[in-house]
Amino acid sequence: MSKAHSEIEPELLPGDLAIWLFIFMELLVFGIFFIVYAIMRLKNIEMFNQYQLTLNRELGAANTLLLITSSYFVVRAVHAIRLNNVSNCIHWLYAALAGGTGFLILKSLEYYDKFSAGIRLSTNTFYMFYLSLTLFHFLHVILGMLILFAIVIKACRGAYSDQNYTGVETGASYWHMVDLVWIILFPLVYIIR
């Protein structure tokens, strides 16, 4: 398909189809997790409300801002590579990685606080969900960062251009999924009472 034709008829899904199958499976897993959390919360509203207040909403909000900003940087990286500006694409990807790093640092501080207080998966139902959901997401942030870093390495080696940017779009799609999950997870676990 020529570049002019692709500009007239944009692809339904950016990036590789395989990543979209993976993303849909991941969203299904998170969705089931969220539904079970909501059901258990309804059965234990007082306990969930009580222990929810022990979470650091400011760090959670800061992490939300970091991931949203990081997703914006990934959008800029995709835009740059579509314009054949490999250097800007790489810079935007590094900025996105910095946002992901900031997320991991703040989340690690939260975990340190909880684990230092003796909180574990077995402490109670609320903490079991809080730790399970956020640790599962934490691992997805790490995977997303590894994907973005691999794209940076390939971009530095000249693998991407305005004619070949599917890999950048693929990594961006996964990163946006990680962001979307946090945008749901943060209010669900930290705020909604």
Protein backbone atom coordinates (compact mmCIF):
# COMPACT_ATOMS: atom_id res chain seq x y z
CA MET A 1 0.00 0.00 0.00
CA SER A 2 1.45 3.37 -0.97
CA LYS A 3 1.99 6.11 1.58
CA ALA A 4 -0.58 8.36 -0.16
CA HIS A 5 -3.16 5.56 -0.07
CA SER A 6 -2.56 4.91 3.64
CA GLU A 7 -3.11 8.61 4.36
CA ILE A 8 -6.50 8.45 2.68
CA GLU A 9 -7.57 5.23 4.40
CA PRO A 10 -6.01 5.02 7.86
CA GLU A 11 -5.57 1.60 9.39
CA LEU A 12 -8.30 0.46 11.76
CA LEU A 13 -5.73 -0.44 14.43
CA PRO A 14 -2.22 1.04 14.51
CA GLY A 15 0.68 -1.34 14.87
CA ASP A 16 0.82 -5.09 14.57
CA LEU A 17 -2.35 -7.20 14.85
CA ALA A 18 -0.63 -9.59 17.29
CA ILE A 19 -0.19 -6.83 19.87
CA TRP A 20 -3.90 -6.03 19.65
CA LEU A 21 -4.80 -9.64 20.38
CA PHE A 22 -2.43 -9.48 23.36
CA ILE A 23 -3.90 -6.13 24.47
CA PHE A 24 -7.46 -7.45 24.27
CA MET A 25 -6.48 -10.52 26.32
CA GLU A 26 -4.77 -8.30 28.90
CA LEU A 27 -7.79 -6.00 29.09
CA LEU A 28 -10.00 -9.03 29.60
CA VAL A 29 -7.84 -10.21 32.52
CA PHE A 30 -7.83 -6.75 34.10
CA GLY A 31 -11.57 -6.42 33.45
CA ILE A 32 -12.27 -9.66 35.29
CA PHE A 33 -10.01 -8.51 38.12
CA PHE A 34 -11.92 -5.19 38.32
CA ILE A 35 -15.32 -6.92 38.33
CA VAL A 36 -14.29 -9.30 41.12
CA TYR A 37 -12.87 -6.33 43.06
CA ALA A 38 -16.19 -4.46 42.70
CA ILE A 39 -18.19 -7.48 43.83
CA MET A 40 -15.96 -8.05 46.86
CA ARG A 41 -16.10 -4.36 47.67
CA LEU A 42 -19.91 -4.47 47.71
CA LYS A 43 -19.74 -7.34 50.20
CA ASN A 44 -17.22 -5.50 52.42
CA ILE A 45 -17.95 -1.79 51.92
CA GLU A 46 -16.99 -0.65 55.42
CA MET A 47 -13.67 -2.51 55.40
CA PHE A 48 -12.80 -1.36 51.87
CA ASN A 49 -13.67 2.26 52.75
CA GLN A 50 -11.62 2.10 55.93
CA TYR A 51 -8.45 0.70 54.36
CA GLN A 52 -8.81 2.73 51.19
CA LEU A 53 -8.10 5.78 53.36
CA THR A 54 -4.65 4.35 54.16
CA LEU A 55 -3.60 4.66 50.52
CA ASN A 56 -1.57 7.64 49.38
CA ARG A 57 -3.91 9.38 46.94
CA GLU A 58 -1.35 12.09 46.19
CA LEU A 59 1.19 9.53 44.95
CA GLY A 60 -1.59 7.74 43.04
CA ALA A 61 -2.61 11.02 41.39
CA ALA A 62 1.02 11.87 40.61
CA ASN A 63 1.39 8.45 39.01
CA THR A 64 -1.73 9.08 36.95
CA LEU A 65 -0.26 12.34 35.71
CA LEU A 66 3.07 10.62 34.94
CA LEU A 67 1.42 7.90 32.85
CA ILE A 68 -0.90 10.28 30.98
CA THR A 69 2.05 12.55 30.20
CA SER A 70 4.13 9.56 29.19
CA SER A 71 1.38 8.43 26.81
CA TYR A 72 1.38 11.91 25.28
CA PHE A 73 5.14 11.57 24.73
CA VAL A 74 4.56 8.25 22.96
CA VAL A 75 1.98 9.93 20.71
CA ARG A 76 4.61 12.55 19.86
CA ALA A 77 7.13 9.77 19.11
CA VAL A 78 4.72 8.12 16.65
CA HIS A 79 4.01 11.49 15.04
CA ALA A 80 7.75 12.17 14.72
CA ILE A 81 8.52 8.84 13.05
CA ARG A 82 5.63 9.30 10.61
CA LEU A 83 7.38 12.54 9.60
CA ASN A 84 10.65 10.58 9.28
CA ASN A 85 12.15 12.47 12.23
CA VAL A 86 13.93 9.56 13.90
CA SER A 87 15.85 11.79 16.29
CA ASN A 88 12.69 13.38 17.68
CA CYS A 89 11.03 9.96 17.88
CA ILE A 90 13.90 8.71 20.04
CA HIS A 91 13.81 11.80 22.26
CA TRP A 92 10.05 11.44 22.82
CA LEU A 93 10.48 7.75 23.63
CA TYR A 94 13.16 8.60 26.20
CA ALA A 95 10.76 11.13 27.72
CA ALA A 96 8.07 8.42 27.89
CA LEU A 97 10.57 6.09 29.56
CA ALA A 98 11.36 8.82 32.10
CA GLY A 99 7.64 9.02 32.90
CA GLY A 100 7.50 5.26 33.34
CA THR A 101 10.56 5.37 35.58
CA GLY A 102 8.94 8.06 37.69
CA PHE A 103 5.84 5.88 38.01
CA LEU A 104 7.90 2.89 39.16
CA ILE A 105 9.77 5.00 41.72
CA LEU A 106 6.60 6.48 43.25
CA LYS A 107 4.84 3.12 43.26
CA SER A 108 7.88 1.54 44.91
CA LEU A 109 7.73 4.18 47.64
CA GLU A 110 4.09 3.25 48.21
CA TYR A 111 4.97 -0.44 48.40
CA TYR A 112 7.83 0.26 50.78
CA ASP A 113 5.44 2.14 53.06
CA LYS A 114 2.90 -0.70 53.02
CA PHE A 115 5.40 -3.55 53.40
CA SER A 116 7.23 -1.68 56.19
CA ALA A 117 3.91 -1.46 58.04
CA GLY A 118 3.61 -5.26 57.81
CA ILE A 119 0.92 -5.22 55.12
CA ARG A 120 0.85 -8.33 52.94
CA LEU A 121 -1.58 -10.04 50.57
CA SER A 122 -2.92 -11.95 53.56
CA THR A 123 -3.58 -8.84 55.71
CA ASN A 124 -7.20 -8.49 54.54
CA THR A 125 -9.33 -8.63 51.39
CA PHE A 126 -8.81 -4.97 50.53
CA TYR A 127 -5.01 -5.17 50.69
CA MET A 128 -5.07 -8.45 48.79
CA PHE A 129 -6.81 -6.66 45.91
CA TYR A 130 -4.77 -3.46 46.26
CA LEU A 131 -1.45 -5.33 46.13
CA SER A 132 -2.54 -7.84 43.48
CA LEU A 133 -4.00 -5.25 41.11
CA THR A 134 -1.24 -2.69 41.49
CA LEU A 135 1.61 -5.23 41.40
CA PHE A 136 0.11 -6.80 38.27
CA HIS A 137 -0.08 -3.35 36.70
CA PHE A 138 3.47 -2.53 37.95
CA LEU A 139 4.76 -5.56 36.01
CA HIS A 140 2.94 -4.31 32.91
CA VAL A 141 4.64 -0.93 33.24
CA ILE A 142 8.01 -2.71 33.36
CA LEU A 143 7.11 -4.76 30.27
CA GLY A 144 5.92 -1.62 28.47
CA MET A 145 9.17 0.13 29.29
CA LEU A 146 11.19 -2.82 27.98
CA ILE A 147 9.19 -2.67 24.75
CA LEU A 148 9.75 1.10 24.42
CA PHE A 149 13.46 0.70 25.16
CA ALA A 150 13.75 -2.03 22.50
CA ILE A 151 12.10 0.38 20.05
CA VAL A 152 14.62 3.08 21.00
CA ILE A 153 17.50 0.67 20.30
CA LYS A 154 16.03 -0.30 16.93
CA ALA A 155 15.36 3.35 16.08
CA CYS A 156 18.97 4.24 16.90
CA ARG A 157 20.03 1.50 14.46
CA GLY A 158 17.87 2.98 11.70
CA ALA A 159 15.09 0.39 11.73
CA TYR A 160 12.25 2.93 11.53
CA SER A 161 11.27 5.62 9.05
CA ASP A 162 8.20 7.28 7.59
CA GLN A 163 7.85 4.15 5.43
CA ASN A 164 8.33 1.65 8.26
CA TYR A 165 6.94 2.63 11.66
CA THR A 166 4.68 -0.30 12.56
CA GLY A 167 7.04 -1.27 15.40
CA VAL A 168 6.76 2.18 16.96
CA GLU A 169 2.96 2.10 16.68
CA THR A 170 2.91 -1.39 18.17
CA GLY A 171 4.90 -0.34 21.24
CA ALA A 172 2.80 2.81 21.56
CA SER A 173 -0.41 0.78 21.49
CA TYR A 174 0.81 -1.41 24.36
CA TRP A 175 1.93 1.63 26.35
CA HIS A 176 -1.49 3.25 25.93
CA MET A 177 -3.10 0.05 27.25
CA VAL A 178 -0.90 0.27 30.37
CA ASP A 179 -2.00 3.89 30.80
CA LEU A 180 -5.69 3.07 30.25
CA VAL A 181 -5.62 0.32 32.87
CA TRP A 182 -4.14 2.72 35.45
CA ILE A 183 -6.74 5.37 34.60
CA ILE A 184 -9.39 2.80 35.59
CA LEU A 185 -7.44 1.26 38.47
CA PHE A 186 -6.58 4.52 40.25
CA PRO A 187 -10.13 5.78 40.88
CA LEU A 188 -11.46 2.26 41.43
CA VAL A 189 -8.99 1.40 44.19
CA TYR A 190 -7.94 4.81 45.58
CA ILE A 191 -10.98 7.09 45.27
CA ILE A 192 -14.41 5.53 44.64
CA ARG A 193 -16.22 5.05 47.96
